[in-house]
Amino acid sequence: MAGDASLPAVDAQQVRDMRLDGAAQLRRWRVRDELVEDAGLVIGELVANAFLHGAVPGRDVVLTLSLHESAIGVTVADGCPALPRLPLAAASDPAVYENGRGLLLVRNATAYHGGNWRFTRWRTGKQINCTLPLARVGDHHDRMAWFYDAARINEALVYLGQLNLRRIDPVSWRRVRKVLCGSLTTLAPFAEARFRALAKEDPARPEIRAFLDWVRRLRAADRVTSVDLLGAVPPLLDLAEAAPRQPA
């Protein structure tokens, strides 16, 4: 069973109505109550964040809900390419912490249900997508048994992808780099397992093989640039999340 429901774009004062409309749609899809409640929180935080920080005149903020066989998708798109900030870089500053608190709630709610979330940015805007399994598959700690933490890696990607990095303190900057450089190694076995699971006639195999060979060279390099990390980690994470549970 699959479906999509694009809800009309609204202004910041109607965030509550959008959250309630989204929850009502999920109930029509007969999503379990606990997930409806947490998905409503995710919807409210993402939409509010989009209107407060991503609204651009002439470009709508759009919420899309998707129902798939085993998960629901919550996607919020806006017209501003700047990625939001999480309160890692200056958590001691109350104003900075409060500005990023909503995204931490989204991260925690998504991880609790065993889901994932991702930022996608292009020149004229961005979108945030959360995937929440219909049946809870484990909490944040259970998923660490995969030997990597997707939410933590995504947070690091958000920081590395900021248009203005000058406000990130040196300690957080080194932490971000360490997380992403380490993910090249922790994600690699799962990405390789995904490659081996592809049918030999799959046309994507040569491209994926070339990408994995490039990642292997990055892992062996003395210095990895931020541009390389931004190019390598997101597709590596995609491959890892699509891999069988136990890499060969």
Protein backbone atom coordinates (compact mmCIF):
# COMPACT_ATOMS: atom_id res chain seq x y z
CA MET A 1 0.00 0.00 0.00
CA ALA A 2 1.40 3.38 -0.92
CA GLY A 3 0.10 6.92 -1.16
CA ASP A 4 0.98 10.60 -1.07
CA ALA A 5 -0.79 13.61 0.40
CA SER A 6 0.62 17.07 -0.34
CA LEU A 7 -0.84 19.54 2.13
CA PRO A 8 -1.29 23.20 1.12
CA ALA A 9 1.47 25.65 2.04
CA VAL A 10 0.53 28.03 4.89
CA ASP A 11 2.16 30.84 6.84
CA ALA A 12 3.85 30.56 10.24
CA GLN A 13 0.64 31.30 12.15
CA GLN A 14 -0.97 28.20 10.70
CA VAL A 15 1.74 25.74 11.75
CA ARG A 16 -0.57 24.25 14.38
CA ASP A 17 -3.28 23.64 11.79
CA MET A 18 -0.80 21.95 9.46
CA ARG A 19 0.33 19.68 12.28
CA LEU A 20 -3.26 18.74 13.09
CA ASP A 21 -4.09 18.19 9.40
CA GLY A 22 -1.06 15.94 9.06
CA ALA A 23 -2.05 13.92 12.12
CA ALA A 24 -5.56 13.57 10.74
CA GLN A 25 -4.16 12.24 7.45
CA LEU A 26 -2.07 9.68 9.30
CA ARG A 27 -5.12 8.51 11.24
CA ARG A 28 -7.00 8.08 7.97
CA TRP A 29 -4.13 5.83 6.94
CA ARG A 30 -4.67 3.95 10.23
CA VAL A 31 -1.19 4.64 11.54
CA ARG A 32 -0.76 3.58 15.18
CA ASP A 33 -1.49 6.26 17.78
CA GLU A 34 2.05 6.51 19.23
CA LEU A 35 3.51 7.14 15.79
CA VAL A 36 0.79 9.67 14.92
CA GLU A 37 1.65 11.64 18.07
CA ASP A 38 5.41 11.67 17.39
CA ALA A 39 4.94 12.32 13.67
CA GLY A 40 2.79 15.30 14.63
CA LEU A 41 5.68 16.63 16.70
CA VAL A 42 8.05 16.12 13.77
CA ILE A 43 5.65 17.89 11.38
CA GLY A 44 5.15 20.84 13.72
CA GLU A 45 8.86 21.35 14.37
CA LEU A 46 9.92 21.03 10.73
CA VAL A 47 7.18 23.32 9.41
CA ALA A 48 7.80 25.93 12.11
CA ASN A 49 11.53 25.81 11.37
CA ALA A 50 10.87 26.21 7.64
CA PHE A 51 8.68 29.28 8.14
CA LEU A 52 10.95 30.89 10.72
CA HIS A 53 14.25 30.29 8.94
CA GLY A 54 13.55 29.14 5.37
CA ALA A 55 10.62 31.16 4.06
CA VAL A 56 11.43 33.08 0.87
CA PRO A 57 8.93 35.44 -0.84
CA GLY A 58 7.38 33.73 -3.83
CA ARG A 59 8.44 30.23 -2.77
CA ASP A 60 6.11 28.02 -0.78
CA VAL A 61 6.84 25.94 2.27
CA VAL A 62 5.44 22.55 1.33
CA LEU A 63 4.69 19.57 3.55
CA THR A 64 4.31 16.15 1.92
CA LEU A 65 3.27 12.98 3.72
CA SER A 66 3.89 9.60 2.10
CA LEU A 67 2.60 6.18 3.06
CA HIS A 68 4.69 3.17 2.03
CA GLU A 69 4.44 -0.52 2.77
CA SER A 70 6.48 -0.36 5.97
CA ALA A 71 7.00 3.33 6.74
CA ILE A 72 5.65 6.84 6.49
CA GLY A 73 7.60 9.77 5.09
CA VAL A 74 7.45 13.38 6.30
CA THR A 75 9.06 15.88 3.93
CA VAL A 76 9.19 19.66 4.35
CA ALA A 77 10.63 21.79 1.55
CA ASP A 78 11.34 25.52 1.53
CA GLY A 79 13.02 28.06 -0.74
CA CYS A 80 16.15 28.79 1.31
CA PRO A 81 19.32 26.74 0.61
CA ALA A 82 20.89 27.50 4.02
CA LEU A 83 20.88 24.41 6.22
CA PRO A 84 19.54 24.75 9.79
CA ARG A 85 21.88 24.77 12.76
CA LEU A 86 21.84 22.21 15.56
CA PRO A 87 23.05 23.31 19.04
CA LEU A 88 26.31 21.36 18.92
CA ALA A 89 28.63 24.23 18.06
CA ALA A 90 27.61 26.59 20.87
CA ALA A 91 25.41 24.64 23.27
CA SER A 92 26.56 26.90 26.12
CA ASP A 93 24.76 29.82 24.46
CA PRO A 94 21.06 29.59 25.49
CA ALA A 95 19.89 31.51 22.40
CA VAL A 96 21.72 29.16 20.03
CA TYR A 97 20.49 26.12 21.94
CA GLU A 98 16.86 27.24 21.78
CA ASN A 99 17.15 27.95 18.04
CA GLY A 100 18.22 24.36 17.40
CA ARG A 101 16.09 22.62 20.01
CA GLY A 102 13.30 21.76 17.56
CA LEU A 103 15.63 19.80 15.33
CA LEU A 104 16.94 17.87 18.31
CA LEU A 105 13.35 16.86 19.10
CA VAL A 106 12.95 15.72 15.49
CA ARG A 107 16.20 13.75 15.71
CA ASN A 108 15.20 12.09 18.97
CA ALA A 109 11.65 11.23 17.89
CA THR A 110 12.92 9.75 14.63
CA ALA A 111 15.64 7.72 16.35
CA TYR A 112 13.20 6.43 18.97
CA HIS A 113 11.14 4.77 16.25
CA GLY A 114 14.20 3.43 14.45
CA GLY A 115 13.78 5.83 11.53
CA ASN A 116 16.15 8.21 9.80
CA TRP A 117 16.22 11.80 8.61
CA ARG A 118 18.12 13.59 5.88
CA PHE A 119 18.75 17.09 4.54
CA THR A 120 18.89 17.68 0.80
CA ARG A 121 20.02 21.07 -0.47
CA TRP A 122 20.02 22.58 -3.92
CA ARG A 123 20.67 26.09 -5.27
CA THR A 124 17.07 27.31 -4.86
CA GLY A 125 16.10 25.62 -1.61
CA LYS A 126 16.27 22.53 0.57
CA GLN A 127 14.13 19.79 2.00
CA ILE A 128 14.19 17.74 5.19
CA ASN A 129 12.91 14.19 4.94
CA CYS A 130 12.09 11.92 7.88
CA THR A 131 11.23 8.24 7.43
CA LEU A 132 9.37 6.62 10.32
CA PRO A 133 8.74 2.85 10.31
CA LEU A 134 5.11 1.84 10.84
CA ALA A 135 6.31 -0.74 13.37
CA ARG A 136 8.97 0.52 15.80
CA VAL A 137 12.18 -1.37 15.06
CA GLY A 138 14.20 -0.30 18.09
CA ASP A 139 15.43 2.77 19.86
CA HIS A 140 18.47 4.94 19.26
CA HIS A 141 20.76 2.62 21.24
CA ASP A 142 19.57 -0.49 19.39
CA ARG A 143 20.50 1.06 16.08
CA MET A 144 24.05 1.71 17.28
CA ALA A 145 24.52 -2.06 16.99
CA TRP A 146 24.91 -1.36 13.27
CA PHE A 147 28.28 0.17 14.25
CA TYR A 148 27.28 3.65 13.16
CA ASP A 149 24.78 6.31 14.22
CA ALA A 150 23.00 7.81 11.23
CA ALA A 151 21.55 10.73 13.19
CA ARG A 152 24.97 11.73 14.50
CA ILE A 153 26.47 11.57 11.01
CA ASN A 154 23.61 13.69 9.61
CA GLU A 155 24.17 16.31 12.30
CA ALA A 156 27.84 16.49 11.33
CA LEU A 157 26.86 16.85 7.66
CA VAL A 158 24.56 19.74 8.55
CA TYR A 159 27.43 21.60 10.21
CA LEU A 160 29.92 20.87 7.46
CA GLY A 161 27.43 22.06 4.84
CA GLN A 162 26.79 25.44 6.44
CA LEU A 163 27.12 28.37 4.05
CA ASN A 164 28.93 30.33 6.79
CA LEU A 165 31.24 28.23 8.97
CA ARG A 166 32.86 31.12 10.82
CA ARG A 167 30.56 30.84 13.83
CA ILE A 168 31.42 27.19 14.50
CA ASP A 169 33.88 26.94 17.35
CA PRO A 170 37.15 24.98 16.80
CA VAL A 171 36.23 22.17 19.21
CA SER A 172 32.94 21.45 17.43
CA TRP A 173 34.65 21.77 14.06
CA ARG A 174 37.19 19.10 15.00
CA ARG A 175 34.38 16.90 16.36
CA VAL A 176 32.43 17.21 13.11
CA ARG A 177 35.47 16.30 11.05
CA LYS A 178 36.23 13.34 13.30
CA VAL A 179 32.68 11.97 13.01
CA LEU A 180 32.62 12.25 9.22
CA CYS A 181 36.14 10.93 8.65
CA GLY A 182 35.34 8.02 10.95
CA SER A 183 32.10 7.33 9.08
CA LEU A 184 34.09 6.59 5.92
CA THR A 185 35.39 3.52 7.75
CA THR A 186 32.31 2.52 9.77
CA LEU A 187 29.93 2.77 6.82
CA ALA A 188 32.21 1.04 4.29
CA PRO A 189 31.40 -2.62 5.20
CA PHE A 190 27.67 -1.97 4.90
CA ALA A 191 28.08 -0.13 1.59
CA GLU A 192 30.18 -3.01 0.25
CA ALA A 193 27.49 -5.45 1.38
CA ARG A 194 24.89 -3.44 -0.52
CA PHE A 195 27.08 -3.54 -3.63
CA ARG A 196 27.48 -7.31 -3.41
CA ALA A 197 23.72 -7.72 -3.01
CA LEU A 198 23.09 -6.07 -6.39
CA ALA A 199 22.33 -8.32 -9.34
CA LYS A 200 25.29 -8.65 -11.69
CA GLU A 201 23.24 -7.19 -14.54
CA ASP A 202 22.30 -4.10 -12.50
CA PRO A 203 23.43 -1.05 -14.54
CA ALA A 204 24.30 0.83 -11.35
CA ARG A 205 27.10 -1.60 -10.38
CA PRO A 206 29.98 0.11 -12.29
CA GLU A 207 29.12 3.54 -10.90
CA ILE A 208 28.80 2.24 -7.33
CA ARG A 209 32.03 0.26 -7.66
CA ALA A 210 33.87 3.36 -8.83
CA PHE A 211 32.41 5.37 -5.95
CA LEU A 212 33.45 2.77 -3.36
CA ASP A 213 36.96 2.65 -4.83
CA TRP A 214 37.14 6.44 -4.46
CA VAL A 215 36.01 6.16 -0.82
CA ARG A 216 38.73 3.57 -0.23
CA ARG A 217 41.33 6.01 -1.57
CA LEU A 218 39.96 8.76 0.70
CA ARG A 219 40.28 6.48 3.72
CA ALA A 220 43.95 5.91 2.88
CA ALA A 221 44.69 9.57 2.19
CA ASP A 222 46.70 11.70 4.61
CA ARG A 223 44.25 14.59 4.27
CA VAL A 224 40.57 14.61 3.31
CA THR A 225 38.93 17.90 2.34
CA SER A 226 35.51 19.03 3.48
CA VAL A 227 34.33 18.95 -0.12
CA ASP A 228 35.36 15.29 -0.36
CA LEU A 229 33.50 14.48 2.87
CA LEU A 230 30.33 16.19 1.65
CA GLY A 231 30.59 14.25 -1.60
CA ALA A 232 31.37 10.88 -0.03
CA VAL A 233 29.39 10.52 3.18
CA PRO A 234 25.74 11.07 2.05
CA PRO A 235 25.79 8.43 -0.75
CA LEU A 236 27.82 6.12 1.50
CA LEU A 237 25.13 6.48 4.16
CA ASP A 238 22.43 5.73 1.57
CA LEU A 239 24.21 2.53 0.53
CA ALA A 240 24.77 1.48 4.15
CA GLU A 241 21.12 1.97 5.08
CA ALA A 242 20.03 -0.14 2.10
CA ALA A 243 22.42 -2.98 2.94
CA PRO A 244 21.52 -6.30 4.55
CA ARG A 245 21.70 -6.20 8.34
CA GLN A 246 24.86 -8.29 8.56
CA PRO A 247 27.63 -7.30 6.12
CA ALA A 248 29.50 -10.28 4.70
